[in-house]
Amino acid sequence: MTTEFISLPKSALHAINRPLGWRIECAEGTAWVTHDHHPHDILLTSGQCHTCIQPGRVLVQALDSTVIGLHEPVRTARTGAPQRWPIFTSPNSWLMPRGWLRQY
């Protein structure tokens, strides 16, 4: 599994194409995460992360000087498809996809 850390100055944007299964970690600062064609945005602070469960493009905007980690998805041995994880790994999560428990 590969991890890439990217330093973003305030107000900078970073686009991720085909992000299904990728995990976005906010290592420092605050990041605003927006999925194309999704009604909810996600705010990540230092130490929080988000796993992308949709294939559409994702934009990450730094609200202040921010370092984000992009973690490559874990692939299943049988199909090569990304392994599915819950949308948030933070205990303070306020947004969960409808029916997410049925996926596991």
Foldseek 3Di string as FASTA:
>chain_A
DDKDKDKDAAFDKDKDAQQAQKKKAWQAAKKWKDFPPDPDIDIHHHGWMFTDHDRGMMMITGNHGTMMMIHDFDADPPPRDGDDDWGTPDPPDDDGDPPPVVVD
